[in-house]
Amino acid sequence: MSATTYRVESSHPIVGPLWPSFKASKFHTFVDRAFAVVMAAKSMTSPSGHEIRVVHVPTGEVVFRKTTA
């Protein structure tokens, strides 16, 4: 796969209004960086309070991170 991918990840399951409830998992991959950041920004962890990151998969660079309150 030649497309650049971004991974939304956390050490705890990621949930939120944009994720289907059956897809609560610890990571999701996207081709579009902006979409990955939006999904991370609108999400939280279960239980809440843990970090969510967007990682550029080929380089391992963290391009966005947040801690939910």
N, C-alpha and C. Protein backbone atom coordinates (compact mmCIF):
# COMPACT_ATOMS: atom_id res chain seq x y z
N MET A 1 0.85 -1.18 0.00
CA MET A 1 0.00 0.00 0.00
C MET A 1 0.89 1.23 0.00
N SER A 2 0.78 2.07 -1.01
CA SER A 2 1.65 3.23 -1.14
C SER A 2 1.07 4.48 -0.49
N ALA A 3 -0.17 4.45 -0.08
CA ALA A 3 -0.79 5.63 0.54
C ALA A 3 -0.25 5.84 1.94
N THR A 4 0.00 7.09 2.28
CA THR A 4 0.43 7.42 3.63
C THR A 4 -0.71 7.18 4.58
N THR A 5 -0.41 6.57 5.71
CA THR A 5 -1.46 6.28 6.67
C THR A 5 -1.16 6.93 8.01
N TYR A 6 -2.22 7.22 8.72
CA TYR A 6 -2.17 7.78 10.06
C TYR A 6 -2.97 6.88 10.98
N ARG A 7 -2.47 6.70 12.18
CA ARG A 7 -3.13 5.83 13.15
C ARG A 7 -3.60 6.66 14.33
N VAL A 8 -4.87 6.57 14.66
CA VAL A 8 -5.41 7.17 15.89
C VAL A 8 -5.31 6.06 16.92
N GLU A 9 -4.54 6.33 18.00
CA GLU A 9 -4.28 5.27 18.97
C GLU A 9 -4.36 5.76 20.40
N SER A 10 -4.53 4.81 21.30
CA SER A 10 -4.56 5.08 22.73
C SER A 10 -4.26 3.77 23.45
N SER A 11 -3.87 3.89 24.70
CA SER A 11 -3.64 2.68 25.50
C SER A 11 -4.96 2.12 26.03
N HIS A 12 -6.06 2.86 25.84
CA HIS A 12 -7.40 2.44 26.26
C HIS A 12 -8.35 2.54 25.07
N PRO A 13 -9.47 1.84 25.10
CA PRO A 13 -10.41 1.91 23.98
C PRO A 13 -10.86 3.34 23.68
N ILE A 14 -10.96 3.66 22.38
CA ILE A 14 -11.36 4.98 21.92
C ILE A 14 -12.86 4.94 21.60
N VAL A 15 -13.59 5.91 22.14
CA VAL A 15 -15.03 6.01 21.90
C VAL A 15 -15.37 7.46 21.60
N GLY A 16 -16.55 7.68 21.05
CA GLY A 16 -16.99 9.04 20.78
C GLY A 16 -18.17 9.05 19.84
N PRO A 17 -18.74 10.24 19.61
CA PRO A 17 -19.95 10.33 18.80
C PRO A 17 -19.73 9.98 17.33
N LEU A 18 -18.51 10.04 16.83
CA LEU A 18 -18.24 9.73 15.43
C LEU A 18 -17.86 8.28 15.20
N TRP A 19 -17.60 7.53 16.27
CA TRP A 19 -17.25 6.12 16.15
C TRP A 19 -18.48 5.26 16.38
N PRO A 20 -18.72 4.27 15.53
CA PRO A 20 -19.79 3.31 15.84
C PRO A 20 -19.43 2.58 17.14
N SER A 21 -20.40 2.32 17.98
CA SER A 21 -20.13 1.71 19.29
C SER A 21 -19.47 0.34 19.17
N PHE A 22 -19.76 -0.39 18.11
CA PHE A 22 -19.16 -1.71 17.97
C PHE A 22 -17.70 -1.65 17.54
N LYS A 23 -17.19 -0.47 17.19
CA LYS A 23 -15.82 -0.35 16.74
C LYS A 23 -14.89 0.20 17.80
N ALA A 24 -15.30 0.23 19.06
CA ALA A 24 -14.43 0.73 20.13
C ALA A 24 -13.20 -0.17 20.22
N SER A 25 -12.06 0.40 19.87
CA SER A 25 -10.81 -0.34 19.95
C SER A 25 -9.70 0.63 20.32
N LYS A 26 -8.47 0.14 20.38
CA LYS A 26 -7.36 0.97 20.82
C LYS A 26 -6.66 1.69 19.67
N PHE A 27 -7.01 1.39 18.41
CA PHE A 27 -6.44 2.14 17.30
C PHE A 27 -7.32 2.00 16.06
N HIS A 28 -7.20 3.00 15.19
CA HIS A 28 -7.89 3.03 13.90
C HIS A 28 -6.94 3.67 12.91
N THR A 29 -6.96 3.27 11.65
CA THR A 29 -6.07 3.86 10.65
C THR A 29 -6.86 4.64 9.61
N PHE A 30 -6.22 5.70 9.11
CA PHE A 30 -6.82 6.58 8.10
C PHE A 30 -5.76 6.96 7.09
N VAL A 31 -6.18 7.28 5.88
CA VAL A 31 -5.27 7.74 4.84
C VAL A 31 -5.10 9.26 4.93
N ASP A 32 -6.12 9.97 5.36
CA ASP A 32 -6.11 11.43 5.41
C ASP A 32 -5.73 11.93 6.80
N ARG A 33 -4.68 12.77 6.86
CA ARG A 33 -4.20 13.29 8.15
C ARG A 33 -5.25 14.15 8.83
N ALA A 34 -5.87 15.05 8.09
CA ALA A 34 -6.86 15.96 8.67
C ALA A 34 -8.04 15.17 9.25
N PHE A 35 -8.49 14.16 8.56
CA PHE A 35 -9.60 13.35 9.05
C PHE A 35 -9.20 12.60 10.32
N ALA A 36 -7.99 12.08 10.35
CA ALA A 36 -7.51 11.38 11.55
C ALA A 36 -7.47 12.32 12.75
N VAL A 37 -7.01 13.56 12.54
CA VAL A 37 -6.94 14.53 13.64
C VAL A 37 -8.34 14.90 14.12
N VAL A 38 -9.27 15.10 13.21
CA VAL A 38 -10.65 15.42 13.60
C VAL A 38 -11.25 14.27 14.40
N MET A 39 -11.05 13.05 13.95
CA MET A 39 -11.59 11.91 14.67
C MET A 39 -10.99 11.81 16.08
N ALA A 40 -9.70 12.08 16.21
CA ALA A 40 -9.06 12.04 17.52
C ALA A 40 -9.57 13.18 18.40
N ALA A 41 -9.71 14.36 17.83
CA ALA A 41 -10.14 15.53 18.61
C ALA A 41 -11.55 15.36 19.14
N LYS A 42 -12.40 14.68 18.42
CA LYS A 42 -13.80 14.50 18.82
C LYS A 42 -14.02 13.22 19.62
N SER A 43 -12.94 12.56 20.03
CA SER A 43 -13.05 11.28 20.72
C SER A 43 -12.59 11.38 22.16
N MET A 44 -12.84 10.31 22.91
CA MET A 44 -12.35 10.18 24.27
C MET A 44 -12.02 8.72 24.51
N THR A 45 -11.43 8.43 25.64
CA THR A 45 -11.10 7.05 25.96
C THR A 45 -12.10 6.50 26.98
N SER A 46 -12.13 5.19 27.06
CA SER A 46 -12.99 4.53 28.04
C SER A 46 -12.11 3.61 28.87
N PRO A 47 -11.86 3.92 30.13
CA PRO A 47 -12.36 5.05 30.92
C PRO A 47 -11.70 6.35 30.48
N SER A 48 -12.36 7.46 30.78
CA SER A 48 -11.88 8.76 30.31
C SER A 48 -10.61 9.18 31.03
N GLY A 49 -9.93 10.17 30.43
CA GLY A 49 -8.75 10.75 31.05
C GLY A 49 -7.42 10.26 30.49
N HIS A 50 -7.44 9.43 29.47
CA HIS A 50 -6.20 8.90 28.91
C HIS A 50 -5.89 9.56 27.57
N GLU A 51 -4.63 9.53 27.18
CA GLU A 51 -4.18 10.20 25.97
C GLU A 51 -4.63 9.49 24.70
N ILE A 52 -4.96 10.31 23.68
CA ILE A 52 -5.24 9.85 22.32
C ILE A 52 -4.21 10.52 21.43
N ARG A 53 -3.59 9.74 20.53
CA ARG A 53 -2.55 10.27 19.64
C ARG A 53 -2.89 9.96 18.19
N VAL A 54 -2.41 10.82 17.28
CA VAL A 54 -2.42 10.53 15.85
C VAL A 54 -0.96 10.37 15.46
N VAL A 55 -0.63 9.21 14.92
CA VAL A 55 0.75 8.88 14.57
C VAL A 55 0.86 8.69 13.06
N HIS A 56 1.88 9.32 12.47
CA HIS A 56 2.20 9.10 11.05
C HIS A 56 2.89 7.74 10.99
N VAL A 57 2.25 6.75 10.40
CA VAL A 57 2.72 5.37 10.47
C VAL A 57 4.12 5.17 9.88
N PRO A 58 4.43 5.70 8.69
CA PRO A 58 5.77 5.42 8.12
C PRO A 58 6.93 5.95 8.97
N THR A 59 6.74 7.09 9.66
CA THR A 59 7.84 7.68 10.42
C THR A 59 7.72 7.49 11.93
N GLY A 60 6.52 7.19 12.41
CA GLY A 60 6.30 7.07 13.85
C GLY A 60 6.14 8.42 14.55
N GLU A 61 6.09 9.50 13.79
CA GLU A 61 5.95 10.84 14.36
C GLU A 61 4.53 11.05 14.89
N VAL A 62 4.43 11.57 16.11
CA VAL A 62 3.13 11.91 16.68
C VAL A 62 2.77 13.30 16.15
N VAL A 63 1.67 13.38 15.37
CA VAL A 63 1.29 14.66 14.76
C VAL A 63 0.20 15.37 15.54
N PHE A 64 -0.45 14.67 16.47
CA PHE A 64 -1.49 15.27 17.30
C PHE A 64 -1.63 14.43 18.55
N ARG A 65 -1.87 15.08 19.68
CA ARG A 65 -2.16 14.33 20.91
C ARG A 65 -3.07 15.16 21.79
N LYS A 66 -3.90 14.46 22.54
CA LYS A 66 -4.78 15.12 23.50
C LYS A 66 -5.05 14.19 24.66
N THR A 67 -5.31 14.78 25.80
CA THR A 67 -5.74 14.03 26.96
C THR A 67 -7.16 14.45 27.26
N THR A 68 -8.06 13.50 27.33
CA THR A 68 -9.46 13.82 27.62
C THR A 68 -9.64 14.05 29.08
N ALA A 69 -10.54 14.94 29.41
CA ALA A 69 -10.79 15.27 30.82
C ALA A 69 -11.98 14.49 31.33
